[in-house]
All heavy atoms as atom14 arrays in JSON, in Angstrom:
{
  "sequence": "TTEEQVPGSALRVGDLVVCEAGDVIPGDGDVVE",
  "atom14_mask": [
    [1, 1, 1, 1, 1, 1, 1, 0, 0, 0, 0, 0, 0, 0],
    [1, 1, 1, 1, 1, 1, 1, 0, 0, 0, 0, 0, 0, 0],
    [1, 1, 1, 1, 1, 1, 1, 1, 1, 0, 0, 0, 0, 0],
    [1, 1, 1, 1, 1, 1, 1, 1, 1, 0, 0, 0, 0, 0],
    [1, 1, 1, 1, 1, 1, 1, 1, 1, 0, 0, 0, 0, 0],
    [1, 1, 1, 1, 1, 1, 1, 0, 0, 0, 0, 0, 0, 0],
    [1, 1, 1, 1, 1, 1, 1, 0, 0, 0, 0, 0, 0, 0],
    [1, 1, 1, 1, 0, 0, 0, 0, 0, 0, 0, 0, 0, 0],
    [1, 1, 1, 1, 1, 1, 0, 0, 0, 0, 0, 0, 0, 0],
    [1, 1, 1, 1, 1, 0, 0, 0, 0, 0, 0, 0, 0, 0],
    [1, 1, 1, 1, 1, 1, 1, 1, 0, 0, 0, 0, 0, 0],
    [1, 1, 1, 1, 1, 1, 1, 1, 1, 1, 1, 0, 0, 0],
    [1, 1, 1, 1, 1, 1, 1, 0, 0, 0, 0, 0, 0, 0],
    [1, 1, 1, 1, 0, 0, 0, 0, 0, 0, 0, 0, 0, 0],
    [1, 1, 1, 1, 1, 1, 1, 1, 0, 0, 0, 0, 0, 0],
    [1, 1, 1, 1, 1, 1, 1, 1, 0, 0, 0, 0, 0, 0],
    [1, 1, 1, 1, 1, 1, 1, 0, 0, 0, 0, 0, 0, 0],
    [1, 1, 1, 1, 1, 1, 1, 0, 0, 0, 0, 0, 0, 0],
    [1, 1, 1, 1, 1, 1, 0, 0, 0, 0, 0, 0, 0, 0],
    [1, 1, 1, 1, 1, 1, 1, 1, 1, 0, 0, 0, 0, 0],
    [1, 1, 1, 1, 1, 0, 0, 0, 0, 0, 0, 0, 0, 0],
    [1, 1, 1, 1, 0, 0, 0, 0, 0, 0, 0, 0, 0, 0],
    [1, 1, 1, 1, 1, 1, 1, 1, 0, 0, 0, 0, 0, 0],
    [1, 1, 1, 1, 1, 1, 1, 0, 0, 0, 0, 0, 0, 0],
    [1, 1, 1, 1, 1, 1, 1, 1, 0, 0, 0, 0, 0, 0],
    [1, 1, 1, 1, 1, 1, 1, 0, 0, 0, 0, 0, 0, 0],
    [1, 1, 1, 1, 0, 0, 0, 0, 0, 0, 0, 0, 0, 0],
    [1, 1, 1, 1, 1, 1, 1, 1, 0, 0, 0, 0, 0, 0],
    [1, 1, 1, 1, 0, 0, 0, 0, 0, 0, 0, 0, 0, 0],
    [1, 1, 1, 1, 1, 1, 1, 1, 0, 0, 0, 0, 0, 0],
    [1, 1, 1, 1, 1, 1, 1, 0, 0, 0, 0, 0, 0, 0],
    [1, 1, 1, 1, 1, 1, 1, 0, 0, 0, 0, 0, 0, 0],
    [1, 1, 1, 1, 1, 1, 1, 1, 1, 0, 0, 0, 0, 0]
  ],
  "atom14_positions": [
    [[1.0, -65.93, 25.89], [0.98, -66.97, 24.87], [2.35, -67.68, 24.69], [2.47, -68.59, 23.93], [0.6, -66.37, 23.48], [1.53, -65.31, 23.19], [-0.8, -65.79, 23.53], [0.0, 0.0, 0.0], [0.0, 0.0, 0.0], [0.0, 0.0, 0.0], [0.0, 0.0, 0.0], [0.0, 0.0, 0.0], [0.0, 0.0, 0.0], [0.0, 0.0, 0.0]],
    [[3.33, -67.27, 25.49], [4.66, -67.85, 25.41], [4.91, -68.72, 26.61], [4.27, -68.61, 27.66], [5.7, -66.76, 25.35], [5.67, -65.99, 26.56], [5.45, -65.8, 24.13], [0.0, 0.0, 0.0], [0.0, 0.0, 0.0], [0.0, 0.0, 0.0], [0.0, 0.0, 0.0], [0.0, 0.0, 0.0], [0.0, 0.0, 0.0], [0.0, 0.0, 0.0]],
    [[5.89, -69.63, 26.43], [6.27, -70.56, 27.47], [7.66, -70.2, 27.99], [8.49, -69.8, 27.21], [6.3, -72.0, 26.98], [4.93, -72.57, 26.65], [5.04, -74.03, 26.2], [6.09, -74.65, 26.41], [4.04, -74.56, 25.68], [0.0, 0.0, 0.0], [0.0, 0.0, 0.0], [0.0, 0.0, 0.0], [0.0, 0.0, 0.0], [0.0, 0.0, 0.0]],
    [[7.89, -70.45, 29.24], [9.22, -70.26, 29.79], [9.5, -71.41, 30.81], [8.59, -71.86, 31.49], [9.39, -68.95, 30.51], [8.4, -68.73, 31.66], [8.74, -67.46, 32.45], [9.87, -66.96, 32.34], [7.83, -66.99, 33.14], [0.0, 0.0, 0.0], [0.0, 0.0, 0.0], [0.0, 0.0, 0.0], [0.0, 0.0, 0.0], [0.0, 0.0, 0.0]],
    [[10.68, -71.91, 30.72], [11.08, -73.04, 31.6], [11.63, -72.5, 32.93], [12.56, -71.72, 32.95], [12.15, -73.91, 30.96], [11.61, -74.7, 29.72], [12.54, -75.77, 29.34], [13.74, -75.78, 29.62], [12.03, -76.7, 28.53], [0.0, 0.0, 0.0], [0.0, 0.0, 0.0], [0.0, 0.0, 0.0], [0.0, 0.0, 0.0], [0.0, 0.0, 0.0]],
    [[10.96, -72.94, 34.03], [11.41, -72.49, 35.34], [11.46, -73.71, 36.28], [10.82, -74.71, 36.01], [10.42, -71.44, 35.93], [10.34, -70.21, 35.07], [9.02, -72.03, 36.13], [0.0, 0.0, 0.0], [0.0, 0.0, 0.0], [0.0, 0.0, 0.0], [0.0, 0.0, 0.0], [0.0, 0.0, 0.0], [0.0, 0.0, 0.0], [0.0, 0.0, 0.0]],
    [[12.24, -73.68, 37.33], [12.28, -74.75, 38.34], [10.88, -74.85, 38.97], [10.18, -73.85, 39.15], [13.3, -74.31, 39.39], [14.1, -73.27, 38.69], [13.19, -72.56, 37.7], [0.0, 0.0, 0.0], [0.0, 0.0, 0.0], [0.0, 0.0, 0.0], [0.0, 0.0, 0.0], [0.0, 0.0, 0.0], [0.0, 0.0, 0.0], [0.0, 0.0, 0.0]],
    [[10.51, -76.11, 39.33], [9.2, -76.33, 39.97], [9.07, -75.55, 41.23], [7.98, -75.11, 41.64], [0.0, 0.0, 0.0], [0.0, 0.0, 0.0], [0.0, 0.0, 0.0], [0.0, 0.0, 0.0], [0.0, 0.0, 0.0], [0.0, 0.0, 0.0], [0.0, 0.0, 0.0], [0.0, 0.0, 0.0], [0.0, 0.0, 0.0], [0.0, 0.0, 0.0]],
    [[10.19, -75.33, 41.96], [10.12, -74.61, 43.25], [9.87, -73.15, 43.06], [9.55, -72.43, 44.01], [11.5, -74.79, 43.95], [12.54, -74.3, 43.15], [0.0, 0.0, 0.0], [0.0, 0.0, 0.0], [0.0, 0.0, 0.0], [0.0, 0.0, 0.0], [0.0, 0.0, 0.0], [0.0, 0.0, 0.0], [0.0, 0.0, 0.0], [0.0, 0.0, 0.0]],
    [[9.96, -72.63, 41.81], [9.72, -71.21, 41.56], [8.23, -70.93, 41.23], [7.89, -69.78, 41.08], [10.59, -70.74, 40.36], [0.0, 0.0, 0.0], [0.0, 0.0, 0.0], [0.0, 0.0, 0.0], [0.0, 0.0, 0.0], [0.0, 0.0, 0.0], [0.0, 0.0, 0.0], [0.0, 0.0, 0.0], [0.0, 0.0, 0.0], [0.0, 0.0, 0.0]],
    [[7.46, -71.97, 41.14], [6.05, -71.8, 40.78], [5.27, -71.15, 41.97], [5.58, -71.41, 43.12], [5.37, -73.09, 40.39], [5.88, -73.76, 39.14], [5.27, -75.12, 38.95], [5.57, -72.84, 37.9], [0.0, 0.0, 0.0], [0.0, 0.0, 0.0], [0.0, 0.0, 0.0], [0.0, 0.0, 0.0], [0.0, 0.0, 0.0], [0.0, 0.0, 0.0]],
    [[4.27, -70.35, 41.64], [3.43, -69.72, 42.64], [1.95, -70.04, 42.37], [1.63, -70.46, 41.23], [3.67, -68.2, 42.63], [5.04, -67.76, 43.0], [5.35, -68.1, 44.45], [6.71, -67.75, 44.87], [7.72, -68.61, 44.9], [7.55, -69.88, 44.5], [8.93, -68.2, 45.25], [0.0, 0.0, 0.0], [0.0, 0.0, 0.0], [0.0, 0.0, 0.0]],
    [[1.15, -69.91, 43.38], [-0.26, -70.23, 43.28], [-0.84, -69.33, 42.16], [-0.64, -68.11, 42.11], [-1.05, -69.93, 44.6], [-2.55, -70.11, 44.4], [-0.5, -70.87, 45.65], [0.0, 0.0, 0.0], [0.0, 0.0, 0.0], [0.0, 0.0, 0.0], [0.0, 0.0, 0.0], [0.0, 0.0, 0.0], [0.0, 0.0, 0.0], [0.0, 0.0, 0.0]],
    [[-1.58, -69.96, 41.23], [-2.21, -69.23, 40.1], [-1.44, -69.38, 38.82], [-1.96, -69.04, 37.75], [0.0, 0.0, 0.0], [0.0, 0.0, 0.0], [0.0, 0.0, 0.0], [0.0, 0.0, 0.0], [0.0, 0.0, 0.0], [0.0, 0.0, 0.0], [0.0, 0.0, 0.0], [0.0, 0.0, 0.0], [0.0, 0.0, 0.0], [0.0, 0.0, 0.0]],
    [[-0.13, -69.8, 38.85], [0.63, -69.98, 37.67], [-0.03, -71.05, 36.79], [-0.54, -72.05, 37.23], [2.08, -70.39, 37.96], [2.92, -69.19, 38.45], [2.41, -68.08, 38.38], [4.01, -69.39, 38.97], [0.0, 0.0, 0.0], [0.0, 0.0, 0.0], [0.0, 0.0, 0.0], [0.0, 0.0, 0.0], [0.0, 0.0, 0.0], [0.0, 0.0, 0.0]],
    [[0.13, -70.87, 35.45], [-0.36, -71.88, 34.51], [0.86, -72.59, 33.92], [1.81, -71.95, 33.46], [-1.17, -71.27, 33.39], [-2.48, -70.51, 33.77], [-3.12, -69.88, 32.54], [-3.43, -71.51, 34.42], [0.0, 0.0, 0.0], [0.0, 0.0, 0.0], [0.0, 0.0, 0.0], [0.0, 0.0, 0.0], [0.0, 0.0, 0.0], [0.0, 0.0, 0.0]],
    [[0.83, -73.94, 33.9], [1.91, -74.74, 33.35], [1.37, -75.7, 32.37], [0.26, -76.23, 32.45], [2.74, -75.46, 34.48], [3.38, -74.46, 35.39], [1.8, -76.36, 35.23], [0.0, 0.0, 0.0], [0.0, 0.0, 0.0], [0.0, 0.0, 0.0], [0.0, 0.0, 0.0], [0.0, 0.0, 0.0], [0.0, 0.0, 0.0], [0.0, 0.0, 0.0]],
    [[2.21, -75.99, 31.37], [1.82, -76.93, 30.32], [2.51, -78.28, 30.61], [3.71, -78.34, 30.94], [2.26, -76.44, 28.91], [1.96, -77.45, 27.84], [1.6, -75.14, 28.58], [0.0, 0.0, 0.0], [0.0, 0.0, 0.0], [0.0, 0.0, 0.0], [0.0, 0.0, 0.0], [0.0, 0.0, 0.0], [0.0, 0.0, 0.0], [0.0, 0.0, 0.0]],
    [[1.75, -79.37, 30.52], [2.31, -80.7, 30.69], [1.85, -81.6, 29.56], [0.67, -81.7, 29.24], [1.81, -81.27, 32.01], [2.32, -80.36, 33.5], [0.0, 0.0, 0.0], [0.0, 0.0, 0.0], [0.0, 0.0, 0.0], [0.0, 0.0, 0.0], [0.0, 0.0, 0.0], [0.0, 0.0, 0.0], [0.0, 0.0, 0.0], [0.0, 0.0, 0.0]],
    [[2.8, -82.23, 28.94], [2.55, -83.15, 27.85], [3.05, -84.56, 28.18], [3.63, -84.75, 29.27], [3.18, -82.64, 26.53], [2.61, -81.32, 26.1], [3.22, -80.88, 24.77], [4.45, -81.04, 24.63], [2.51, -80.37, 23.92], [0.0, 0.0, 0.0], [0.0, 0.0, 0.0], [0.0, 0.0, 0.0], [0.0, 0.0, 0.0], [0.0, 0.0, 0.0]],
    [[2.75, -85.47, 27.27], [3.16, -86.92, 27.5], [4.61, -86.99, 27.89], [5.47, -86.45, 27.2], [2.86, -87.74, 26.28], [0.0, 0.0, 0.0], [0.0, 0.0, 0.0], [0.0, 0.0, 0.0], [0.0, 0.0, 0.0], [0.0, 0.0, 0.0], [0.0, 0.0, 0.0], [0.0, 0.0, 0.0], [0.0, 0.0, 0.0], [0.0, 0.0, 0.0]],
    [[4.87, -87.73, 29.02], [6.26, -87.89, 29.49], [6.66, -86.87, 30.55], [7.67, -87.09, 31.2], [0.0, 0.0, 0.0], [0.0, 0.0, 0.0], [0.0, 0.0, 0.0], [0.0, 0.0, 0.0], [0.0, 0.0, 0.0], [0.0, 0.0, 0.0], [0.0, 0.0, 0.0], [0.0, 0.0, 0.0], [0.0, 0.0, 0.0], [0.0, 0.0, 0.0]],
    [[5.94, -85.76, 30.72], [6.3, -84.75, 31.66], [5.89, -85.11, 33.06], [4.82, -85.79, 33.25], [5.63, -83.37, 31.33], [6.22, -82.78, 30.08], [7.26, -83.24, 29.62], [5.56, -81.87, 29.5], [0.0, 0.0, 0.0], [0.0, 0.0, 0.0], [0.0, 0.0, 0.0], [0.0, 0.0, 0.0], [0.0, 0.0, 0.0], [0.0, 0.0, 0.0]],
    [[6.61, -84.72, 34.05], [6.27, -84.85, 35.44], [5.5, -83.58, 35.79], [5.99, -82.47, 35.62], [7.44, -85.1, 36.34], [7.07, -85.01, 37.8], [8.12, -86.41, 36.05], [0.0, 0.0, 0.0], [0.0, 0.0, 0.0], [0.0, 0.0, 0.0], [0.0, 0.0, 0.0], [0.0, 0.0, 0.0], [0.0, 0.0, 0.0], [0.0, 0.0, 0.0]],
    [[4.36, -83.65, 36.43], [3.57, -82.5, 36.82], [4.35, -81.85, 37.96], [4.65, -82.41, 39.02], [2.18, -82.95, 37.26], [1.44, -83.54, 36.08], [1.38, -81.79, 37.81], [0.05, -84.13, 36.39], [0.0, 0.0, 0.0], [0.0, 0.0, 0.0], [0.0, 0.0, 0.0], [0.0, 0.0, 0.0], [0.0, 0.0, 0.0], [0.0, 0.0, 0.0]],
    [[4.68, -80.58, 37.79], [5.59, -79.92, 38.74], [4.96, -79.47, 40.11], [5.7, -79.14, 40.99], [6.08, -78.67, 37.96], [4.93, -78.39, 37.11], [4.28, -79.69, 36.69], [0.0, 0.0, 0.0], [0.0, 0.0, 0.0], [0.0, 0.0, 0.0], [0.0, 0.0, 0.0], [0.0, 0.0, 0.0], [0.0, 0.0, 0.0], [0.0, 0.0, 0.0]],
    [[3.65, -79.47, 40.19], [3.06, -79.05, 41.42], [1.6, -79.37, 41.48], [0.96, -79.71, 40.42], [0.0, 0.0, 0.0], [0.0, 0.0, 0.0], [0.0, 0.0, 0.0], [0.0, 0.0, 0.0], [0.0, 0.0, 0.0], [0.0, 0.0, 0.0], [0.0, 0.0, 0.0], [0.0, 0.0, 0.0], [0.0, 0.0, 0.0], [0.0, 0.0, 0.0]],
    [[0.98, -79.34, 42.65], [-0.46, -79.59, 42.77], [-1.23, -78.5, 42.01], [-0.91, -77.35, 42.06], [-0.86, -79.54, 44.23], [-0.36, -80.71, 45.04], [0.38, -81.53, 44.41], [-0.6, -80.83, 46.24], [0.0, 0.0, 0.0], [0.0, 0.0, 0.0], [0.0, 0.0, 0.0], [0.0, 0.0, 0.0], [0.0, 0.0, 0.0], [0.0, 0.0, 0.0]],
    [[-2.32, -78.92, 41.39], [-3.13, -77.95, 40.65], [-4.39, -78.56, 40.07], [-4.72, -79.71, 40.34], [0.0, 0.0, 0.0], [0.0, 0.0, 0.0], [0.0, 0.0, 0.0], [0.0, 0.0, 0.0], [0.0, 0.0, 0.0], [0.0, 0.0, 0.0], [0.0, 0.0, 0.0], [0.0, 0.0, 0.0], [0.0, 0.0, 0.0], [0.0, 0.0, 0.0]],
    [[-5.11, -77.78, 39.32], [-6.33, -78.21, 38.6], [-6.13, -78.06, 37.13], [-5.56, -77.02, 36.64], [-7.56, -77.38, 39.06], [-7.89, -77.6, 40.5], [-7.69, -78.73, 40.98], [-8.39, -76.69, 41.16], [0.0, 0.0, 0.0], [0.0, 0.0, 0.0], [0.0, 0.0, 0.0], [0.0, 0.0, 0.0], [0.0, 0.0, 0.0], [0.0, 0.0, 0.0]],
    [[-6.6, -79.07, 36.37], [-6.52, -78.94, 34.9], [-7.61, -77.95, 34.45], [-8.77, -78.07, 34.75], [-6.83, -80.35, 34.29], [-6.87, -80.23, 32.77], [-5.77, -81.36, 34.7], [0.0, 0.0, 0.0], [0.0, 0.0, 0.0], [0.0, 0.0, 0.0], [0.0, 0.0, 0.0], [0.0, 0.0, 0.0], [0.0, 0.0, 0.0], [0.0, 0.0, 0.0]],
    [[-7.1, -76.97, 33.72], [-8.02, -75.92, 33.2], [-8.27, -76.01, 31.69], [-9.1, -75.35, 31.14], [-7.54, -74.5, 33.57], [-7.55, -74.33, 35.1], [-6.14, -74.24, 33.04], [0.0, 0.0, 0.0], [0.0, 0.0, 0.0], [0.0, 0.0, 0.0], [0.0, 0.0, 0.0], [0.0, 0.0, 0.0], [0.0, 0.0, 0.0], [0.0, 0.0, 0.0]],
    [[-7.45, -76.87, 31.08], [-7.57, -77.05, 29.6], [-7.04, -78.42, 29.24], [-5.94, -78.79, 29.64], [-6.76, -76.0, 28.86], [-6.89, -76.07, 27.34], [-6.05, -75.03, 26.65], [-6.02, -73.82, 27.1], [-5.32, -75.36, 25.67], [0.0, 0.0, 0.0], [0.0, 0.0, 0.0], [0.0, 0.0, 0.0], [0.0, 0.0, 0.0], [0.0, 0.0, 0.0]]
  ]
}
């Protein structure tokens, strides 16, 4: 339930990321919510 800021290069397949207005999407993925 918590958020942590990490570099986009540190993301791995299956990670969930939050993107809001103005954010650059850090990697390829599918919207799940």
